[in-house]
Amino acid sequence: MSNTKAAAAPHINVRAGFAPALVIAARLTAITMLALIAYYFVGYDQGAVSVFGNDTHVHEFLHDARHLLGFPCH
């Protein structure tokens, strides 16, 4: 007979990866929302869909970035 001990299987906690997955999902959602808001202000905040109405400060502040990214504005 063999006198060797069986190797113990490591205990794997399945729920350990659950919380970091929620944190990653929350961060990804927040970053996506911030990116979409920035994209709106750089690309589309003008005319009928403007958040600020007749105030064109945002449009003029981001004017060169708008052209750099290929958005037409004239």
PDB file of N, CA and C in Angstrom:
ATOM      1  N   MET A   1       0.821  -1.167   0.000  1.00  0.00           N
ATOM      2  CA  MET A   1       0.000   0.000   0.000  1.00  0.00           C
ATOM      3  C   MET A   1       0.872   1.241   0.000  1.00  0.00           C
ATOM      4  N   SER A   2       0.342   2.237  -0.565  1.00  0.00           N
ATOM      5  CA  SER A   2       1.059   3.498  -0.674  1.00  0.00           C
ATOM      6  C   SER A   2       0.817   4.329   0.578  1.00  0.00           C
ATOM      7  N   ASN A   3       1.842   5.037   1.001  1.00  0.00           N
ATOM      8  CA  ASN A   3       1.764   5.857   2.191  1.00  0.00           C
ATOM      9  C   ASN A   3       1.697   7.353   1.843  1.00  0.00           C
ATOM     10  N   THR A   4       1.332   7.688   0.629  1.00  0.00           N
ATOM     11  CA  THR A   4       1.285   9.099   0.233  1.00  0.00           C
ATOM     12  C   THR A   4      -0.063   9.704   0.613  1.00  0.00           C
ATOM     13  N   LYS A   5      -0.026  10.964   0.971  1.00  0.00           N
ATOM     14  CA  LYS A   5      -1.251  11.671   1.330  1.00  0.00           C
ATOM     15  C   LYS A   5      -1.841  12.310   0.072  1.00  0.00           C
ATOM     16  N   ALA A   6      -3.141  12.319   0.021  1.00  0.00           N
ATOM     17  CA  ALA A   6      -3.816  12.968  -1.102  1.00  0.00           C
ATOM     18  C   ALA A   6      -3.686  14.483  -0.946  1.00  0.00           C
ATOM     19  N   ALA A   7      -3.422  15.149  -2.047  1.00  0.00           N
ATOM     20  CA  ALA A   7      -3.297  16.609  -2.013  1.00  0.00           C
ATOM     21  C   ALA A   7      -4.674  17.222  -1.781  1.00  0.00           C
ATOM     22  N   ALA A   8      -4.725  18.147  -0.853  1.00  0.00           N
ATOM     23  CA  ALA A   8      -5.991  18.807  -0.544  1.00  0.00           C
ATOM     24  C   ALA A   8      -6.325  19.798  -1.657  1.00  0.00           C
ATOM     25  N   ALA A   9      -7.555  19.755  -2.092  1.00  0.00           N
ATOM     26  CA  ALA A   9      -8.000  20.689  -3.127  1.00  0.00           C
ATOM     27  C   ALA A   9      -8.154  22.077  -2.510  1.00  0.00           C
ATOM     28  N   PRO A  10      -7.663  23.100  -3.184  1.00  0.00           N
ATOM     29  CA  PRO A  10      -7.796  24.448  -2.623  1.00  0.00           C
ATOM     30  C   PRO A  10      -9.258  24.879  -2.614  1.00  0.00           C
ATOM     31  N   HIS A  11      -9.609  25.584  -1.556  1.00  0.00           N
ATOM     32  CA  HIS A  11     -10.984  26.080  -1.430  1.00  0.00           C
ATOM     33  C   HIS A  11     -11.115  27.360  -2.256  1.00  0.00           C
ATOM     34  N   ILE A  12     -12.051  27.386  -3.165  1.00  0.00           N
ATOM     35  CA  ILE A  12     -12.265  28.544  -4.025  1.00  0.00           C
ATOM     36  C   ILE A  12     -13.569  29.210  -3.615  1.00  0.00           C
ATOM     37  N   ASN A  13     -13.471  30.471  -3.245  1.00  0.00           N
ATOM     38  CA  ASN A  13     -14.651  31.233  -2.864  1.00  0.00           C
ATOM     39  C   ASN A  13     -15.244  31.858  -4.129  1.00  0.00           C
ATOM     40  N   VAL A  14     -16.376  31.368  -4.565  1.00  0.00           N
ATOM     41  CA  VAL A  14     -16.986  31.825  -5.807  1.00  0.00           C
ATOM     42  C   VAL A  14     -17.482  33.259  -5.678  1.00  0.00           C
ATOM     43  N   ARG A  15     -17.950  33.666  -4.527  1.00  0.00           N
ATOM     44  CA  ARG A  15     -18.497  35.005  -4.332  1.00  0.00           C
ATOM     45  C   ARG A  15     -17.415  36.065  -4.198  1.00  0.00           C
ATOM     46  N   ALA A  16     -16.155  35.678  -4.106  1.00  0.00           N
ATOM     47  CA  ALA A  16     -15.085  36.653  -3.927  1.00  0.00           C
ATOM     48  C   ALA A  16     -14.957  37.581  -5.129  1.00  0.00           C
ATOM     49  N   GLY A  17     -15.252  37.113  -6.334  1.00  0.00           N
ATOM     50  CA  GLY A  17     -15.133  37.936  -7.521  1.00  0.00           C
ATOM     51  C   GLY A  17     -16.371  38.749  -7.816  1.00  0.00           C
ATOM     52  N   PHE A  18     -17.404  38.626  -7.018  1.00  0.00           N
ATOM     53  CA  PHE A  18     -18.669  39.306  -7.289  1.00  0.00           C
ATOM     54  C   PHE A  18     -18.577  40.804  -7.019  1.00  0.00           C
ATOM     55  N   ALA A  19     -18.027  41.198  -5.885  1.00  0.00           N
ATOM     56  CA  ALA A  19     -17.936  42.619  -5.537  1.00  0.00           C
ATOM     57  C   ALA A  19     -17.033  43.388  -6.497  1.00  0.00           C
ATOM     58  N   PRO A  20     -15.844  42.893  -6.831  1.00  0.00           N
ATOM     59  CA  PRO A  20     -15.031  43.627  -7.803  1.00  0.00           C
ATOM     60  C   PRO A  20     -15.708  43.755  -9.167  1.00  0.00           C
ATOM     61  N   ALA A  21     -16.506  42.780  -9.544  1.00  0.00           N
ATOM     62  CA  ALA A  21     -17.215  42.872 -10.820  1.00  0.00           C
ATOM     63  C   ALA A  21     -18.228  44.012 -10.780  1.00  0.00           C
ATOM     64  N   LEU A  22     -18.890  44.207  -9.647  1.00  0.00           N
ATOM     65  CA  LEU A  22     -19.825  45.326  -9.510  1.00  0.00           C
ATOM     66  C   LEU A  22     -19.098  46.665  -9.532  1.00  0.00           C
ATOM     67  N   VAL A  23     -17.947  46.718  -8.896  1.00  0.00           N
ATOM     68  CA  VAL A  23     -17.160  47.950  -8.887  1.00  0.00           C
ATOM     69  C   VAL A  23     -16.705  48.286 -10.305  1.00  0.00           C
ATOM     70  N   ILE A  24     -16.239  47.293 -11.026  1.00  0.00           N
ATOM     71  CA  ILE A  24     -15.798  47.509 -12.406  1.00  0.00           C
ATOM     72  C   ILE A  24     -16.967  47.957 -13.274  1.00  0.00           C
ATOM     73  N   ALA A  25     -18.121  47.340 -13.106  1.00  0.00           N
ATOM     74  CA  ALA A  25     -19.297  47.724 -13.890  1.00  0.00           C
ATOM     75  C   ALA A  25     -19.731  49.151 -13.561  1.00  0.00           C
ATOM     76  N   ALA A  26     -19.690  49.527 -12.294  1.00  0.00           N
ATOM     77  CA  ALA A  26     -20.071  50.888 -11.901  1.00  0.00           C
ATOM     78  C   ALA A  26     -19.097  51.913 -12.467  1.00  0.00           C
ATOM     79  N   ARG A  27     -17.808  51.613 -12.402  1.00  0.00           N
ATOM     80  CA  ARG A  27     -16.808  52.528 -12.955  1.00  0.00           C
ATOM     81  C   ARG A  27     -16.949  52.653 -14.467  1.00  0.00           C
ATOM     82  N   LEU A  28     -17.177  51.544 -15.143  1.00  0.00           N
ATOM     83  CA  LEU A  28     -17.351  51.568 -16.590  1.00  0.00           C
ATOM     84  C   LEU A  28     -18.581  52.382 -16.982  1.00  0.00           C
ATOM     85  N   THR A  29     -19.654  52.243 -16.225  1.00  0.00           N
ATOM     86  CA  THR A  29     -20.861  53.022 -16.488  1.00  0.00           C
ATOM     87  C   THR A  29     -20.610  54.509 -16.277  1.00  0.00           C
ATOM     88  N   ALA A  30     -19.935  54.866 -15.196  1.00  0.00           N
ATOM     89  CA  ALA A  30     -19.648  56.274 -14.917  1.00  0.00           C
ATOM     90  C   ALA A  30     -18.743  56.878 -15.985  1.00  0.00           C
ATOM     91  N   ILE A  31     -17.716  56.154 -16.388  1.00  0.00           N
ATOM     92  CA  ILE A  31     -16.803  56.649 -17.415  1.00  0.00           C
ATOM     93  C   ILE A  31     -17.523  56.802 -18.747  1.00  0.00           C
ATOM     94  N   THR A  32     -18.391  55.856 -19.079  1.00  0.00           N
ATOM     95  CA  THR A  32     -19.152  55.941 -20.326  1.00  0.00           C
ATOM     96  C   THR A  32     -20.074  57.148 -20.322  1.00  0.00           C
ATOM     97  N   MET A  33     -20.744  57.395 -19.210  1.00  0.00           N
ATOM     98  CA  MET A  33     -21.641  58.549 -19.126  1.00  0.00           C
ATOM     99  C   MET A  33     -20.863  59.863 -19.244  1.00  0.00           C
ATOM    100  N   LEU A  34     -19.718  59.958 -18.579  1.00  0.00           N
ATOM    101  CA  LEU A  34     -18.899  61.165 -18.689  1.00  0.00           C
ATOM    102  C   LEU A  34     -18.392  61.362 -20.111  1.00  0.00           C
ATOM    103  N   ALA A  35     -18.014  60.274 -20.771  1.00  0.00           N
ATOM    104  CA  ALA A  35     -17.548  60.367 -22.155  1.00  0.00           C
ATOM    105  C   ALA A  35     -18.668  60.823 -23.084  1.00  0.00           C
ATOM    106  N   LEU A  36     -19.878  60.316 -22.877  1.00  0.00           N
ATOM    107  CA  LEU A  36     -21.003  60.735 -23.714  1.00  0.00           C
ATOM    108  C   LEU A  36     -21.365  62.199 -23.490  1.00  0.00           C
ATOM    109  N   ILE A  37     -21.283  62.653 -22.251  1.00  0.00           N
ATOM    110  CA  ILE A  37     -21.549  64.065 -21.964  1.00  0.00           C
ATOM    111  C   ILE A  37     -20.490  64.945 -22.630  1.00  0.00           C
ATOM    112  N   ALA A  38     -19.222  64.559 -22.521  1.00  0.00           N
ATOM    113  CA  ALA A  38     -18.156  65.319 -23.178  1.00  0.00           C
ATOM    114  C   ALA A  38     -18.335  65.311 -24.689  1.00  0.00           C
ATOM    115  N   TYR A  39     -18.707  64.173 -25.246  1.00  0.00           N
ATOM    116  CA  TYR A  39     -18.945  64.055 -26.689  1.00  0.00           C
ATOM    117  C   TYR A  39     -20.076  64.978 -27.124  1.00  0.00           C
ATOM    118  N   TYR A  40     -21.120  65.068 -26.331  1.00  0.00           N
ATOM    119  CA  TYR A  40     -22.239  65.959 -26.653  1.00  0.00           C
ATOM    120  C   TYR A  40     -21.776  67.413 -26.679  1.00  0.00           C
ATOM    121  N   PHE A  41     -21.050  67.831 -25.644  1.00  0.00           N
ATOM    122  CA  PHE A  41     -20.644  69.229 -25.580  1.00  0.00           C
ATOM    123  C   PHE A  41     -19.633  69.591 -26.658  1.00  0.00           C
ATOM    124  N   VAL A  42     -18.764  68.657 -27.023  1.00  0.00           N
ATOM    125  CA  VAL A  42     -17.804  68.945 -28.084  1.00  0.00           C
ATOM    126  C   VAL A  42     -18.480  68.915 -29.446  1.00  0.00           C
ATOM    127  N   GLY A  43     -19.369  67.961 -29.658  1.00  0.00           N
ATOM    128  CA  GLY A  43     -19.885  67.752 -30.995  1.00  0.00           C
ATOM    129  C   GLY A  43     -21.236  68.310 -31.318  1.00  0.00           C
ATOM    130  N   TYR A  44     -22.138  68.361 -30.349  1.00  0.00           N
ATOM    131  CA  TYR A  44     -23.521  68.643 -30.719  1.00  0.00           C
ATOM    132  C   TYR A  44     -24.170  69.798 -29.982  1.00  0.00           C
ATOM    133  N   ASP A  45     -23.484  70.464 -29.087  1.00  0.00           N
ATOM    134  CA  ASP A  45     -24.123  71.549 -28.339  1.00  0.00           C
ATOM    135  C   ASP A  45     -24.183  72.806 -29.192  1.00  0.00           C
ATOM    136  N   GLN A  46     -25.119  72.825 -30.100  1.00  0.00           N
ATOM    137  CA  GLN A  46     -25.339  73.993 -30.954  1.00  0.00           C
ATOM    138  C   GLN A  46     -26.749  73.918 -31.516  1.00  0.00           C
ATOM    139  N   GLY A  47     -27.289  75.038 -31.849  1.00  0.00           N
ATOM    140  CA  GLY A  47     -28.577  75.059 -32.535  1.00  0.00           C
ATOM    141  C   GLY A  47     -29.742  74.563 -31.697  1.00  0.00           C
ATOM    142  N   ALA A  48     -30.602  73.750 -32.309  1.00  0.00           N
ATOM    143  CA  ALA A  48     -31.861  73.326 -31.698  1.00  0.00           C
ATOM    144  C   ALA A  48     -31.667  72.397 -30.511  1.00  0.00           C
ATOM    145  N   VAL A  49     -30.551  71.680 -30.444  1.00  0.00           N
ATOM    146  CA  VAL A  49     -30.342  70.734 -29.345  1.00  0.00           C
ATOM    147  C   VAL A  49     -29.427  71.304 -28.265  1.00  0.00           C
ATOM    148  N   SER A  50     -29.176  72.604 -28.275  1.00  0.00           N
ATOM    149  CA  SER A  50     -28.274  73.218 -27.315  1.00  0.00           C
ATOM    150  C   SER A  50     -28.881  73.220 -25.917  1.00  0.00           C
ATOM    151  N   VAL A  51     -28.085  72.841 -24.945  1.00  0.00           N
ATOM    152  CA  VAL A  51     -28.518  72.852 -23.552  1.00  0.00           C
ATOM    153  C   VAL A  51     -28.604  74.290 -23.043  1.00  0.00           C
ATOM    154  N   PHE A  52     -27.731  75.158 -23.539  1.00  0.00           N
ATOM    155  CA  PHE A  52     -27.623  76.515 -23.015  1.00  0.00           C
ATOM    156  C   PHE A  52     -28.377  77.555 -23.842  1.00  0.00           C
ATOM    157  N   GLY A  53     -29.139  77.149 -24.831  1.00  0.00           N
ATOM    158  CA  GLY A  53     -29.937  78.090 -25.616  1.00  0.00           C
ATOM    159  C   GLY A  53     -29.087  78.996 -26.481  1.00  0.00           C
ATOM    160  N   ASN A  54     -29.290  80.305 -26.352  1.00  0.00           N
ATOM    161  CA  ASN A  54     -28.572  81.277 -27.182  1.00  0.00           C
ATOM    162  C   ASN A  54     -27.168  81.574 -26.686  1.00  0.00           C
ATOM    163  N   ASP A  55     -26.803  81.086 -25.520  1.00  0.00           N
ATOM    164  CA  ASP A  55     -25.469  81.307 -24.975  1.00  0.00           C
ATOM    165  C   ASP A  55     -24.487  80.388 -25.693  1.00  0.00           C
ATOM    166  N   THR A  56     -23.516  80.969 -26.407  1.00  0.00           N
ATOM    167  CA  THR A  56     -22.598  80.160 -27.226  1.00  0.00           C
ATOM    168  C   THR A  56     -21.216  80.025 -26.599  1.00  0.00           C
ATOM    169  N   HIS A  57     -21.088  80.223 -25.297  1.00  0.00           N
ATOM    170  CA  HIS A  57     -19.775  80.121 -24.663  1.00  0.00           C
ATOM    171  C   HIS A  57     -19.186  78.717 -24.793  1.00  0.00           C
ATOM    172  N   VAL A  58     -19.986  77.698 -24.583  1.00  0.00           N
ATOM    173  CA  VAL A  58     -19.489  76.321 -24.701  1.00  0.00           C
ATOM    174  C   VAL A  58     -19.084  76.042 -26.141  1.00  0.00           C
ATOM    175  N   HIS A  59     -19.890  76.481 -27.089  1.00  0.00           N
ATOM    176  CA  HIS A  59     -19.581  76.276 -28.503  1.00  0.00           C
ATOM    177  C   HIS A  59     -18.255  76.948 -28.868  1.00  0.00           C
ATOM    178  N   GLU A  60     -18.070  78.182 -28.448  1.00  0.00           N
ATOM    179  CA  GLU A  60     -16.847  78.909 -28.788  1.00  0.00           C
ATOM    180  C   GLU A  60     -15.637  78.365 -28.037  1.00  0.00           C
ATOM    181  N   PHE A  61     -15.825  77.928 -26.799  1.00  0.00           N
ATOM    182  CA  PHE A  61     -14.716  77.377 -26.021  1.00  0.00           C
ATOM    183  C   PHE A  61     -14.199  76.086 -26.644  1.00  0.00           C
ATOM    184  N   LEU A  62     -15.086  75.284 -27.197  1.00  0.00           N
ATOM    185  CA  LEU A  62     -14.711  73.996 -27.786  1.00  0.00           C
ATOM    186  C   LEU A  62     -14.629  74.042 -29.311  1.00  0.00           C
ATOM    187  N   HIS A  63     -14.569  75.230 -29.871  1.00  0.00           N
ATOM    188  CA  HIS A  63     -14.630  75.389 -31.315  1.00  0.00           C
ATOM    189  C   HIS A  63     -13.502  74.655 -32.042  1.00  0.00           C
ATOM    190  N   ASP A  64     -12.262  74.830 -31.602  1.00  0.00           N
ATOM    191  CA  ASP A  64     -11.134  74.187 -32.282  1.00  0.00           C
ATOM    192  C   ASP A  64     -11.150  72.677 -32.089  1.00  0.00           C
ATOM    193  N   ALA A  65     -11.560  72.217 -30.921  1.00  0.00           N
ATOM    194  CA  ALA A  65     -11.662  70.768 -30.698  1.00  0.00           C
ATOM    195  C   ALA A  65     -12.722  70.169 -31.604  1.00  0.00           C
ATOM    196  N   ARG A  66     -13.773  70.910 -31.847  1.00  0.00           N
ATOM    197  CA  ARG A  66     -14.841  70.463 -32.739  1.00  0.00           C
ATOM    198  C   ARG A  66     -14.289  70.220 -34.144  1.00  0.00           C
ATOM    199  N   HIS A  67     -13.495  71.159 -34.659  1.00  0.00           N
ATOM    200  CA  HIS A  67     -12.909  70.996 -35.991  1.00  0.00           C
ATOM    201  C   HIS A  67     -11.838  69.913 -36.002  1.00  0.00           C
ATOM    202  N   LEU A  68     -11.063  69.816 -34.928  1.00  0.00           N
ATOM    203  CA  LEU A  68     -10.025  68.789 -34.841  1.00  0.00           C
ATOM    204  C   LEU A  68     -10.623  67.391 -34.912  1.00  0.00           C
ATOM    205  N   LEU A  69     -11.787  67.210 -34.314  1.00  0.00           N
ATOM    206  CA  LEU A  69     -12.448  65.904 -34.322  1.00  0.00           C
ATOM    207  C   LEU A  69     -13.321  65.684 -35.552  1.00  0.00           C
ATOM    208  N   GLY A  70     -13.397  66.670 -36.434  1.00  0.00           N
ATOM    209  CA  GLY A  70     -14.116  66.499 -37.685  1.00  0.00           C
ATOM    210  C   GLY A  70     -15.584  66.859 -37.650  1.00  0.00           C
ATOM    211  N   PHE A  71     -16.030  67.562 -36.613  1.00  0.00           N
ATOM    212  CA  PHE A  71     -17.426  67.993 -36.556  1.00  0.00           C
ATOM    213  C   PHE A  71     -17.587  69.285 -37.349  1.00  0.00           C
ATOM    214  N   PRO A  72     -18.513  69.322 -38.280  1.00  0.00           N
ATOM    215  CA  PRO A  72     -18.765  70.591 -38.971  1.00  0.00           C
ATOM    216  C   PRO A  72     -19.579  71.518 -38.065  1.00  0.00           C
ATOM    217  N   CYS A  73     -19.288  72.804 -38.125  1.00  0.00           N
ATOM    218  CA  CYS A  73     -20.086  73.717 -37.312  1.00  0.00           C
ATOM    219  C   CYS A  73     -20.362  75.029 -38.021  1.00  0.00           C
ATOM    220  N   HIS A  74     -20.045  75.143 -39.291  1.00  0.00           N
ATOM    221  CA  HIS A  74     -20.353  76.373 -40.036  1.00  0.00           C
ATOM    222  C   HIS A  74     -21.128  76.017 -41.271  1.00  0.00           C
TER     223      HIS A  74
END
